[in-house]
Amino acid sequence: MIDPTARVHASADLESDVSIGPRTSVWNRAVLRSGASIGAECIIGRDAFIDEGVHLGDRVKVQNGALVYHGVTVGNGVFIGPGAILTNDRYPRAITATGELARGDDWTVSPIELRDGCSIGAGAVVVAGTTIGRFATVGAGAIVTRDVPDFALMAGNPARRLGWVCVCGSRLDDVTGANAAPNPSTDAPLTCPQCGRGYDFHLQSGSLTERPA
Protein backbone atom coordinates (compact mmCIF):
# COMPACT_ATOMS: atom_id res chain seq x y z
CA MET A 1 0.00 0.00 0.00
CA ILE A 2 1.31 3.44 -0.94
CA ASP A 3 -0.14 6.29 1.08
CA PRO A 4 -1.69 8.98 -1.15
CA THR A 5 0.49 11.65 0.46
CA ALA A 6 3.72 9.79 -0.42
CA ARG A 7 5.81 11.02 -3.37
CA VAL A 8 7.35 8.37 -5.61
CA HIS A 9 9.51 9.41 -8.57
CA ALA A 10 8.45 7.95 -11.90
CA SER A 11 11.85 6.27 -12.36
CA ALA A 12 11.73 4.43 -9.01
CA ASP A 13 11.29 0.65 -9.24
CA LEU A 14 8.72 -0.70 -6.77
CA GLU A 15 7.99 -4.42 -6.69
CA SER A 16 4.76 -5.96 -5.41
CA ASP A 17 3.52 -5.63 -1.85
CA VAL A 18 5.62 -2.56 -0.99
CA SER A 19 4.25 -0.36 1.79
CA ILE A 20 5.07 3.36 1.90
CA GLY A 21 3.84 5.59 4.71
CA PRO A 22 2.46 9.14 4.74
CA ARG A 23 4.61 12.01 3.45
CA THR A 24 7.49 9.73 2.49
CA SER A 25 9.57 10.59 -0.60
CA VAL A 26 11.16 8.00 -2.90
CA TRP A 27 13.58 9.55 -5.39
CA ASN A 28 15.12 8.77 -8.78
CA ARG A 29 15.93 5.15 -9.63
CA ALA A 30 15.47 3.89 -6.07
CA VAL A 31 14.63 0.17 -5.89
CA LEU A 32 12.18 -1.17 -3.30
CA ARG A 33 11.77 -4.92 -3.42
CA SER A 34 8.77 -7.04 -2.57
CA GLY A 35 7.49 -6.76 0.98
CA ALA A 36 9.60 -3.74 1.90
CA SER A 37 7.88 -1.54 4.47
CA ILE A 38 8.72 2.17 4.69
CA GLY A 39 7.29 4.31 7.49
CA ALA A 40 6.02 7.86 7.56
CA GLU A 41 8.05 10.95 6.62
CA CYS A 42 10.99 8.98 5.28
CA ILE A 43 13.38 9.95 2.48
CA ILE A 44 14.69 7.24 0.16
CA GLY A 45 17.46 8.79 -1.93
CA ARG A 46 18.44 8.39 -5.55
CA ASP A 47 19.72 4.89 -6.49
CA ALA A 48 19.09 3.54 -2.99
CA PHE A 49 18.31 -0.19 -2.75
CA ILE A 50 15.84 -1.51 -0.17
CA ASP A 51 15.71 -5.30 -0.31
CA GLU A 52 12.74 -7.61 0.15
CA GLY A 53 11.15 -7.65 3.59
CA VAL A 54 13.23 -4.77 4.96
CA HIS A 55 11.36 -2.66 7.52
CA LEU A 56 12.09 1.05 8.01
CA GLY A 57 10.48 3.04 10.82
CA ASP A 58 9.30 6.64 10.65
CA ARG A 59 11.45 9.66 9.71
CA VAL A 60 14.30 7.55 8.33
CA LYS A 61 16.73 9.01 5.79
CA VAL A 62 18.37 6.60 3.35
CA GLN A 63 20.80 8.63 1.28
CA ASN A 64 21.83 8.19 -2.37
CA GLY A 65 23.25 4.82 -3.34
CA ALA A 66 22.83 3.14 0.05
CA LEU A 67 22.25 -0.64 -0.01
CA VAL A 68 19.96 -2.12 2.65
CA TYR A 69 19.68 -5.87 2.29
CA HIS A 70 17.12 -8.48 3.36
CA GLY A 71 17.15 -9.11 7.10
CA VAL A 72 17.68 -5.47 8.13
CA THR A 73 15.31 -3.77 10.56
CA VAL A 74 15.57 0.01 10.96
CA GLY A 75 14.03 1.94 13.86
CA ASN A 76 12.67 5.47 13.91
CA GLY A 77 14.76 8.53 13.11
CA VAL A 78 17.70 6.61 11.67
CA PHE A 79 20.18 8.12 9.18
CA ILE A 80 21.85 5.87 6.58
CA GLY A 81 24.48 7.82 4.67
CA PRO A 82 25.29 7.80 0.94
CA GLY A 83 26.89 4.60 -0.26
CA ALA A 84 26.48 2.81 3.09
CA ILE A 85 26.05 -0.97 2.91
CA LEU A 86 24.11 -3.17 5.34
CA THR A 87 24.88 -6.82 4.60
CA ASN A 88 23.10 -10.05 5.57
CA ASP A 89 25.45 -13.02 5.06
CA ARG A 90 28.44 -13.66 7.32
CA TYR A 91 29.77 -16.48 5.16
CA PRO A 92 29.06 -15.45 1.55
CA ARG A 93 29.70 -17.86 -1.30
CA ALA A 94 28.49 -17.79 -4.91
CA ILE A 95 28.55 -21.60 -5.05
CA THR A 96 27.81 -24.52 -2.74
CA ALA A 97 30.45 -26.93 -1.46
CA THR A 98 29.68 -29.16 -4.46
CA GLY A 99 30.24 -26.35 -6.94
CA GLU A 100 26.62 -25.57 -7.79
CA LEU A 101 25.24 -22.04 -7.92
CA ALA A 102 24.09 -21.13 -4.41
CA ARG A 103 20.36 -20.53 -4.04
CA GLY A 104 18.15 -19.02 -1.38
CA ASP A 105 18.09 -22.19 0.73
CA ASP A 106 21.88 -22.49 0.75
CA TRP A 107 22.61 -19.69 3.20
CA THR A 108 21.32 -18.23 6.46
CA VAL A 109 20.30 -14.60 6.99
CA SER A 110 22.17 -12.90 9.82
CA PRO A 111 19.93 -9.95 10.72
CA ILE A 112 21.01 -6.37 11.37
CA GLU A 113 19.09 -4.03 13.67
CA LEU A 114 19.54 -0.25 13.59
CA ARG A 115 17.90 1.15 16.70
CA ASP A 116 16.12 4.50 17.03
CA GLY A 117 18.11 7.62 16.25
CA CYS A 118 21.40 6.03 15.19
CA SER A 119 23.46 7.29 12.23
CA ILE A 120 25.50 5.30 9.70
CA GLY A 121 28.07 7.47 7.91
CA ALA A 122 28.80 7.68 4.20
CA GLY A 123 30.41 4.56 2.77
CA ALA A 124 30.26 2.65 6.06
CA VAL A 125 29.67 -1.11 6.07
CA VAL A 126 27.66 -2.84 8.78
CA VAL A 127 28.49 -6.54 8.76
CA ALA A 128 25.65 -9.05 9.06
CA GLY A 129 24.52 -10.09 12.53
CA THR A 130 25.19 -6.81 14.34
CA THR A 131 23.05 -4.33 16.25
CA ILE A 132 23.66 -0.58 16.28
CA GLY A 133 22.42 1.01 19.50
CA ARG A 134 20.18 4.03 20.02
CA PHE A 135 21.67 7.34 18.85
CA ALA A 136 25.05 5.72 18.17
CA THR A 137 27.12 7.22 15.34
CA VAL A 138 29.16 5.14 12.88
CA GLY A 139 31.71 7.31 11.11
CA ALA A 140 32.19 7.54 7.34
CA GLY A 141 33.96 4.51 5.87
CA ALA A 142 33.86 2.49 9.09
CA ILE A 143 33.52 -1.31 9.01
CA VAL A 144 31.30 -2.47 11.88
CA THR A 145 31.89 -6.10 12.82
CA ARG A 146 30.27 -6.30 16.26
CA ASP A 147 27.43 -4.78 18.27
CA VAL A 148 27.57 -1.05 19.03
CA PRO A 149 26.17 0.30 22.33
CA ASP A 150 23.78 3.21 22.67
CA PHE A 151 25.37 6.67 22.13
CA ALA A 152 28.74 5.22 21.04
CA LEU A 153 30.93 6.98 18.46
CA MET A 154 32.57 4.41 16.17
CA ALA A 155 35.20 4.77 13.44
CA GLY A 156 37.88 2.78 11.63
CA ASN A 157 38.39 -0.69 10.16
CA PRO A 158 37.37 -2.63 12.11
CA ALA A 159 35.32 0.04 13.85
CA ARG A 160 36.32 0.90 17.41
CA ARG A 161 34.79 3.23 19.93
CA LEU A 162 36.32 6.72 19.99
CA GLY A 163 33.95 8.27 22.50
CA TRP A 164 30.29 9.06 23.05
CA VAL A 165 27.68 11.24 21.33
CA CYS A 166 24.55 13.08 22.35
CA VAL A 167 21.03 12.69 21.00
CA CYS A 168 21.77 15.87 19.02
CA GLY A 169 24.84 14.23 17.46
CA SER A 170 27.57 16.26 19.22
CA ARG A 171 30.45 14.55 20.96
CA LEU A 172 30.10 14.37 24.76
CA ASP A 173 32.58 15.91 27.23
CA ASP A 174 33.70 14.74 30.66
CA VAL A 175 33.83 16.89 33.80
CA THR A 176 37.09 18.53 32.64
CA GLY A 177 35.50 19.77 29.43
CA ALA A 178 37.55 17.42 27.25
CA ASN A 179 36.07 14.80 24.92
CA ALA A 180 34.94 11.85 27.02
CA ALA A 181 37.18 8.79 26.85
CA PRO A 182 35.86 5.73 25.02
CA ASN A 183 36.26 3.68 28.20
CA PRO A 184 36.08 5.93 31.29
CA SER A 185 37.80 4.39 34.33
CA THR A 186 35.00 5.29 36.73
CA ASP A 187 31.28 5.94 36.76
CA ALA A 188 31.18 9.46 35.40
CA PRO A 189 28.80 12.22 34.34
CA LEU A 190 29.12 13.34 30.72
CA THR A 191 27.67 16.49 29.17
CA CYS A 192 26.84 17.72 25.71
CA PRO A 193 28.57 21.07 25.05
CA GLN A 194 25.99 21.97 22.41
CA CYS A 195 22.58 21.29 23.96
CA GLY A 196 23.46 20.71 27.61
CA ARG A 197 21.99 17.22 27.95
CA GLY A 198 23.57 15.10 30.68
CA TYR A 199 24.50 11.41 30.63
CA ASP A 200 25.88 8.87 33.07
CA PHE A 201 28.54 6.29 32.22
CA HIS A 202 28.16 3.00 34.11
CA LEU A 203 31.51 1.29 34.54
CA GLN A 204 30.17 -2.15 35.44
CA SER A 205 28.04 -2.48 32.31
CA GLY A 206 30.10 -0.21 30.05
CA SER A 207 26.91 1.56 29.05
CA LEU A 208 25.68 5.14 28.85
CA THR A 209 22.25 6.41 29.85
CA GLU A 210 20.67 9.83 29.46
CA ARG A 211 20.11 11.70 32.71
CA PRO A 212 16.52 12.89 33.30
CA ALA A 213 16.13 16.61 32.62
C-alpha atoms as a PDB file:
ATOM      1  CA  MET A   1       0.000   0.000   0.000  1.00  0.00           C
ATOM      2  CA  ILE A   2       1.310   3.443  -0.937  1.00  0.00           C
ATOM      3  CA  ASP A   3      -0.139   6.295   1.084  1.00  0.00           C
ATOM      4  CA  PRO A   4      -1.692   8.978  -1.146  1.00  0.00           C
ATOM      5  CA  THR A   5       0.491  11.651   0.460  1.00  0.00           C
ATOM      6  CA  ALA A   6       3.723   9.790  -0.419  1.00  0.00           C
ATOM      7  CA  ARG A   7       5.811  11.017  -3.367  1.00  0.00           C
ATOM      8  CA  VAL A   8       7.351   8.367  -5.611  1.00  0.00           C
ATOM      9  CA  HIS A   9       9.512   9.412  -8.572  1.00  0.00           C
ATOM     10  CA  ALA A  10       8.447   7.946 -11.900  1.00  0.00           C
ATOM     11  CA  SER A  11      11.850   6.274 -12.358  1.00  0.00           C
ATOM     12  CA  ALA A  12      11.729   4.434  -9.015  1.00  0.00           C
ATOM     13  CA  ASP A  13      11.290   0.649  -9.237  1.00  0.00           C
ATOM     14  CA  LEU A  14       8.723  -0.703  -6.772  1.00  0.00           C
ATOM     15  CA  GLU A  15       7.995  -4.424  -6.688  1.00  0.00           C
ATOM     16  CA  SER A  16       4.761  -5.965  -5.414  1.00  0.00           C
ATOM     17  CA  ASP A  17       3.515  -5.633  -1.849  1.00  0.00           C
ATOM     18  CA  VAL A  18       5.619  -2.563  -0.992  1.00  0.00           C
ATOM     19  CA  SER A  19       4.252  -0.364   1.793  1.00  0.00           C
ATOM     20  CA  ILE A  20       5.074   3.365   1.896  1.00  0.00           C
ATOM     21  CA  GLY A  21       3.837   5.595   4.708  1.00  0.00           C
ATOM     22  CA  PRO A  22       2.457   9.135   4.737  1.00  0.00           C
ATOM     23  CA  ARG A  23       4.608  12.010   3.446  1.00  0.00           C
ATOM     24  CA  THR A  24       7.492   9.735   2.491  1.00  0.00           C
ATOM     25  CA  SER A  25       9.570  10.587  -0.599  1.00  0.00           C
ATOM     26  CA  VAL A  26      11.162   8.005  -2.899  1.00  0.00           C
ATOM     27  CA  TRP A  27      13.582   9.550  -5.390  1.00  0.00           C
ATOM     28  CA  ASN A  28      15.118   8.772  -8.783  1.00  0.00           C
ATOM     29  CA  ARG A  29      15.934   5.146  -9.629  1.00  0.00           C
ATOM     30  CA  ALA A  30      15.469   3.890  -6.072  1.00  0.00           C
ATOM     31  CA  VAL A  31      14.631   0.166  -5.889  1.00  0.00           C
ATOM     32  CA  LEU A  32      12.181  -1.173  -3.298  1.00  0.00           C
ATOM     33  CA  ARG A  33      11.774  -4.923  -3.422  1.00  0.00           C
ATOM     34  CA  SER A  34       8.765  -7.042  -2.571  1.00  0.00           C
ATOM     35  CA  GLY A  35       7.488  -6.765   0.983  1.00  0.00           C
ATOM     36  CA  ALA A  36       9.598  -3.742   1.899  1.00  0.00           C
ATOM     37  CA  SER A  37       7.884  -1.539   4.472  1.00  0.00           C
ATOM     38  CA  ILE A  38       8.723   2.169   4.691  1.00  0.00           C
ATOM     39  CA  GLY A  39       7.289   4.306   7.492  1.00  0.00           C
ATOM     40  CA  ALA A  40       6.020   7.862   7.564  1.00  0.00           C
ATOM     41  CA  GLU A  41       8.049  10.953   6.625  1.00  0.00           C
ATOM     42  CA  CYS A  42      10.994   8.984   5.276  1.00  0.00           C
ATOM     43  CA  ILE A  43      13.378   9.953   2.485  1.00  0.00           C
ATOM     44  CA  ILE A  44      14.694   7.245   0.155  1.00  0.00           C
ATOM     45  CA  GLY A  45      17.461   8.788  -1.933  1.00  0.00           C
ATOM     46  CA  ARG A  46      18.443   8.391  -5.550  1.00  0.00           C
ATOM     47  CA  ASP A  47      19.720   4.895  -6.489  1.00  0.00           C
ATOM     48  CA  ALA A  48      19.085   3.542  -2.993  1.00  0.00           C
ATOM     49  CA  PHE A  49      18.306  -0.186  -2.754  1.00  0.00           C
ATOM     50  CA  ILE A  50      15.837  -1.506  -0.170  1.00  0.00           C
ATOM     51  CA  ASP A  51      15.712  -5.298  -0.307  1.00  0.00           C
ATOM     52  CA  GLU A  52      12.744  -7.611   0.147  1.00  0.00           C
ATOM     53  CA  GLY A  53      11.145  -7.649   3.591  1.00  0.00           C
ATOM     54  CA  VAL A  54      13.234  -4.766   4.956  1.00  0.00           C
ATOM     55  CA  HIS A  55      11.364  -2.658   7.521  1.00  0.00           C
ATOM     56  CA  LEU A  56      12.092   1.049   8.013  1.00  0.00           C
ATOM     57  CA  GLY A  57      10.478   3.037  10.818  1.00  0.00           C
ATOM     58  CA  ASP A  58       9.304   6.645  10.651  1.00  0.00           C
ATOM     59  CA  ARG A  59      11.452   9.660   9.709  1.00  0.00           C
ATOM     60  CA  VAL A  60      14.299   7.546   8.329  1.00  0.00           C
ATOM     61  CA  LYS A  61      16.733   9.011   5.795  1.00  0.00           C
ATOM     62  CA  VAL A  62      18.370   6.605   3.352  1.00  0.00           C
ATOM     63  CA  GLN A  63      20.800   8.628   1.280  1.00  0.00           C
ATOM     64  CA  ASN A  64      21.826   8.193  -2.370  1.00  0.00           C
ATOM     65  CA  GLY A  65      23.248   4.820  -3.337  1.00  0.00           C
ATOM     66  CA  ALA A  66      22.828   3.139   0.054  1.00  0.00           C
ATOM     67  CA  LEU A  67      22.253  -0.640  -0.010  1.00  0.00           C
ATOM     68  CA  VAL A  68      19.964  -2.120   2.653  1.00  0.00           C
ATOM     69  CA  TYR A  69      19.675  -5.874   2.288  1.00  0.00           C
ATOM     70  CA  HIS A  70      17.121  -8.485   3.355  1.00  0.00           C
ATOM     71  CA  GLY A  71      17.152  -9.109   7.102  1.00  0.00           C
ATOM     72  CA  VAL A  72      17.682  -5.474   8.129  1.00  0.00           C
ATOM     73  CA  THR A  73      15.305  -3.766  10.558  1.00  0.00           C
ATOM     74  CA  VAL A  74      15.566   0.011  10.964  1.00  0.00           C
ATOM     75  CA  GLY A  75      14.032   1.943  13.865  1.00  0.00           C
ATOM     76  CA  ASN A  76      12.675   5.474  13.906  1.00  0.00           C
ATOM     77  CA  GLY A  77      14.757   8.535  13.110  1.00  0.00           C
ATOM     78  CA  VAL A  78      17.699   6.606  11.667  1.00  0.00           C
ATOM     79  CA  PHE A  79      20.177   8.123   9.180  1.00  0.00           C
ATOM     80  CA  ILE A  80      21.850   5.874   6.580  1.00  0.00           C
ATOM     81  CA  GLY A  81      24.484   7.819   4.671  1.00  0.00           C
ATOM     82  CA  PRO A  82      25.291   7.798   0.945  1.00  0.00           C
ATOM     83  CA  GLY A  83      26.889   4.600  -0.258  1.00  0.00           C
ATOM     84  CA  ALA A  84      26.477   2.815   3.091  1.00  0.00           C
ATOM     85  CA  ILE A  85      26.054  -0.974   2.910  1.00  0.00           C
ATOM     86  CA  LEU A  86      24.108  -3.166   5.335  1.00  0.00           C
ATOM     87  CA  THR A  87      24.879  -6.816   4.600  1.00  0.00           C
ATOM     88  CA  ASN A  88      23.102 -10.049   5.573  1.00  0.00           C
ATOM     89  CA  ASP A  89      25.452 -13.020   5.055  1.00  0.00           C
ATOM     90  CA  ARG A  90      28.438 -13.657   7.317  1.00  0.00           C
ATOM     91  CA  TYR A  91      29.774 -16.485   5.156  1.00  0.00           C
ATOM     92  CA  PRO A  92      29.062 -15.445   1.553  1.00  0.00           C
ATOM     93  CA  ARG A  93      29.704 -17.858  -1.302  1.00  0.00           C
ATOM     94  CA  ALA A  94      28.492 -17.793  -4.905  1.00  0.00           C
ATOM     95  CA  ILE A  95      28.549 -21.602  -5.046  1.00  0.00           C
ATOM     96  CA  THR A  96      27.813 -24.522  -2.738  1.00  0.00           C
ATOM     97  CA  ALA A  97      30.455 -26.932  -1.455  1.00  0.00           C
ATOM     98  CA  THR A  98      29.675 -29.161  -4.460  1.00  0.00           C
ATOM     99  CA  GLY A  99      30.237 -26.349  -6.944  1.00  0.00           C
ATOM    100  CA  GLU A 100      26.620 -25.573  -7.795  1.00  0.00           C
ATOM    101  CA  LEU A 101      25.244 -22.038  -7.922  1.00  0.00           C
ATOM    102  CA  ALA A 102      24.095 -21.127  -4.414  1.00  0.00           C
ATOM    103  CA  ARG A 103      20.359 -20.525  -4.044  1.00  0.00           C
ATOM    104  CA  GLY A 104      18.153 -19.018  -1.380  1.00  0.00           C
ATOM    105  CA  ASP A 105      18.091 -22.188   0.726  1.00  0.00           C
ATOM    106  CA  ASP A 106      21.885 -22.494   0.755  1.00  0.00           C
ATOM    107  CA  TRP A 107      22.607 -19.686   3.202  1.00  0.00           C
ATOM    108  CA  THR A 108      21.323 -18.228   6.460  1.00  0.00           C
ATOM    109  CA  VAL A 109      20.297 -14.604   6.986  1.00  0.00           C
ATOM    110  CA  SER A 110      22.169 -12.899   9.819  1.00  0.00           C
ATOM    111  CA  PRO A 111      19.925  -9.948  10.721  1.00  0.00           C
ATOM    112  CA  ILE A 112      21.008  -6.368  11.371  1.00  0.00           C
ATOM    113  CA  GLU A 113      19.092  -4.025  13.669  1.00  0.00           C
ATOM    114  CA  LEU A 114      19.536  -0.252  13.587  1.00  0.00           C
ATOM    115  CA  ARG A 115      17.900   1.153  16.702  1.00  0.00           C
ATOM    116  CA  ASP A 116      16.125   4.501  17.031  1.00  0.00           C
ATOM    117  CA  GLY A 117      18.112   7.622  16.247  1.00  0.00           C
ATOM    118  CA  CYS A 118      21.400   6.033  15.186  1.00  0.00           C
ATOM    119  CA  SER A 119      23.461   7.289  12.227  1.00  0.00           C
ATOM    120  CA  ILE A 120      25.497   5.302   9.700  1.00  0.00           C
ATOM    121  CA  GLY A 121      28.072   7.470   7.906  1.00  0.00           C
ATOM    122  CA  ALA A 122      28.797   7.679   4.197  1.00  0.00           C
ATOM    123  CA  GLY A 123      30.405   4.558   2.773  1.00  0.00           C
ATOM    124  CA  ALA A 124      30.260   2.651   6.058  1.00  0.00           C
ATOM    125  CA  VAL A 125      29.669  -1.111   6.067  1.00  0.00           C
ATOM    126  CA  VAL A 126      27.662  -2.839   8.778  1.00  0.00           C
ATOM    127  CA  VAL A 127      28.485  -6.542   8.763  1.00  0.00           C
ATOM    128  CA  ALA A 128      25.646  -9.054   9.060  1.00  0.00           C
ATOM    129  CA  GLY A 129      24.520 -10.091  12.529  1.00  0.00           C
ATOM    130  CA  THR A 130      25.194  -6.808  14.343  1.00  0.00           C
ATOM    131  CA  THR A 131      23.049  -4.329  16.254  1.00  0.00           C
ATOM    132  CA  ILE A 132      23.664  -0.575  16.278  1.00  0.00           C
ATOM    133  CA  GLY A 133      22.415   1.015  19.497  1.00  0.00           C
ATOM    134  CA  ARG A 134      20.181   4.029  20.019  1.00  0.00           C
ATOM    135  CA  PHE A 135      21.674   7.340  18.853  1.00  0.00           C
ATOM    136  CA  ALA A 136      25.048   5.724  18.165  1.00  0.00           C
ATOM    137  CA  THR A 137      27.123   7.218  15.336  1.00  0.00           C
ATOM    138  CA  VAL A 138      29.158   5.142  12.884  1.00  0.00           C
ATOM    139  CA  GLY A 139      31.715   7.310  11.107  1.00  0.00           C
ATOM    140  CA  ALA A 140      32.192   7.539   7.343  1.00  0.00           C
ATOM    141  CA  GLY A 141      33.955   4.513   5.873  1.00  0.00           C
ATOM    142  CA  ALA A 142      33.862   2.493   9.086  1.00  0.00           C
ATOM    143  CA  ILE A 143      33.522  -1.306   9.013  1.00  0.00           C
ATOM    144  CA  VAL A 144      31.301  -2.466  11.883  1.00  0.00           C
ATOM    145  CA  THR A 145      31.891  -6.102  12.821  1.00  0.00           C
ATOM    146  CA  ARG A 146      30.273  -6.303  16.261  1.00  0.00           C
ATOM    147  CA  ASP A 147      27.430  -4.777  18.267  1.00  0.00           C
ATOM    148  CA  VAL A 148      27.570  -1.054  19.027  1.00  0.00           C
ATOM    149  CA  PRO A 149      26.173   0.295  22.330  1.00  0.00           C
ATOM    150  CA  ASP A 150      23.780   3.215  22.671  1.00  0.00           C
ATOM    151  CA  PHE A 151      25.369   6.667  22.135  1.00  0.00           C
ATOM    152  CA  ALA A 152      28.735   5.223  21.042  1.00  0.00           C
ATOM    153  CA  LEU A 153      30.931   6.984  18.460  1.00  0.00           C
ATOM    154  CA  MET A 154      32.570   4.410  16.165  1.00  0.00           C
ATOM    155  CA  ALA A 155      35.195   4.769  13.436  1.00  0.00           C
ATOM    156  CA  GLY A 156      37.881   2.782  11.631  1.00  0.00           C
ATOM    157  CA  ASN A 157      38.389  -0.691  10.163  1.00  0.00           C
ATOM    158  CA  PRO A 158      37.370  -2.631  12.115  1.00  0.00           C
ATOM    159  CA  ALA A 159      35.320   0.043  13.850  1.00  0.00           C
ATOM    160  CA  ARG A 160      36.324   0.900  17.415  1.00  0.00           C
ATOM    161  CA  ARG A 161      34.788   3.234  19.930  1.00  0.00           C
ATOM    162  CA  LEU A 162      36.320   6.721  19.988  1.00  0.00           C
ATOM    163  CA  GLY A 163      33.946   8.267  22.500  1.00  0.00           C
ATOM    164  CA  TRP A 164      30.292   9.060  23.052  1.00  0.00           C
ATOM    165  CA  VAL A 165      27.685  11.240  21.334  1.00  0.00           C
ATOM    166  CA  CYS A 166      24.545  13.084  22.351  1.00  0.00           C
ATOM    167  CA  VAL A 167      21.027  12.689  20.999  1.00  0.00           C
ATOM    168  CA  CYS A 168      21.766  15.872  19.022  1.00  0.00           C
ATOM    169  CA  GLY A 169      24.844  14.235  17.459  1.00  0.00           C
ATOM    170  CA  SER A 170      27.568  16.260  19.218  1.00  0.00           C
ATOM    171  CA  ARG A 171      30.448  14.554  20.965  1.00  0.00           C
ATOM    172  CA  LEU A 172      30.100  14.367  24.764  1.00  0.00           C
ATOM    173  CA  ASP A 173      32.580  15.912  27.233  1.00  0.00           C
ATOM    174  CA  ASP A 174      33.697  14.738  30.657  1.00  0.00           C
ATOM    175  CA  VAL A 175      33.830  16.890  33.797  1.00  0.00           C
ATOM    176  CA  THR A 176      37.088  18.529  32.643  1.00  0.00           C
ATOM    177  CA  GLY A 177      35.497  19.774  29.431  1.00  0.00           C
ATOM    178  CA  ALA A 178      37.545  17.419  27.253  1.00  0.00           C
ATOM    179  CA  ASN A 179      36.066  14.803  24.925  1.00  0.00           C
ATOM    180  CA  ALA A 180      34.936  11.853  27.023  1.00  0.00           C
ATOM    181  CA  ALA A 181      37.179   8.788  26.847  1.00  0.00           C
ATOM    182  CA  PRO A 182      35.864   5.727  25.018  1.00  0.00           C
ATOM    183  CA  ASN A 183      36.257   3.684  28.198  1.00  0.00           C
ATOM    184  CA  PRO A 184      36.080   5.926  31.287  1.00  0.00           C
ATOM    185  CA  SER A 185      37.801   4.394  34.326  1.00  0.00           C
ATOM    186  CA  THR A 186      34.999   5.289  36.734  1.00  0.00           C
ATOM    187  CA  ASP A 187      31.281   5.939  36.761  1.00  0.00           C
ATOM    188  CA  ALA A 188      31.177   9.457  35.396  1.00  0.00           C
ATOM    189  CA  PRO A 189      28.798  12.217  34.336  1.00  0.00           C
ATOM    190  CA  LEU A 190      29.116  13.344  30.717  1.00  0.00           C
ATOM    191  CA  THR A 191      27.673  16.490  29.173  1.00  0.00           C
ATOM    192  CA  CYS A 192      26.842  17.718  25.710  1.00  0.00           C
ATOM    193  CA  PRO A 193      28.571  21.067  25.051  1.00  0.00           C
ATOM    194  CA  GLN A 194      25.990  21.967  22.413  1.00  0.00           C
ATOM    195  CA  CYS A 195      22.581  21.292  23.956  1.00  0.00           C
ATOM    196  CA  GLY A 196      23.458  20.708  27.614  1.00  0.00           C
ATOM    197  CA  ARG A 197      21.989  17.222  27.952  1.00  0.00           C
ATOM    198  CA  GLY A 198      23.568  15.101  30.683  1.00  0.00           C
ATOM    199  CA  TYR A 199      24.499  11.412  30.627  1.00  0.00           C
ATOM    200  CA  ASP A 200      25.878   8.868  33.074  1.00  0.00           C
ATOM    201  CA  PHE A 201      28.539   6.286  32.223  1.00  0.00           C
ATOM    202  CA  HIS A 202      28.156   2.996  34.108  1.00  0.00           C
ATOM    203  CA  LEU A 203      31.507   1.290  34.542  1.00  0.00           C
ATOM    204  CA  GLN A 204      30.167  -2.149  35.442  1.00  0.00           C
ATOM    205  CA  SER A 205      28.041  -2.484  32.312  1.00  0.00           C
ATOM    206  CA  GLY A 206      30.104  -0.213  30.050  1.00  0.00           C
ATOM    207  CA  SER A 207      26.913   1.562  29.046  1.00  0.00           C
ATOM    208  CA  LEU A 208      25.685   5.137  28.855  1.00  0.00           C
ATOM    209  CA  THR A 209      22.249   6.406  29.852  1.00  0.00           C
ATOM    210  CA  GLU A 210      20.668   9.826  29.462  1.00  0.00           C
ATOM    211  CA  ARG A 211      20.114  11.702  32.714  1.00  0.00           C
ATOM    212  CA  PRO A 212      16.517  12.885  33.302  1.00  0.00           C
ATOM    213  CA  ALA A 213      16.126  16.610  32.623  1.00  0.00           C
END
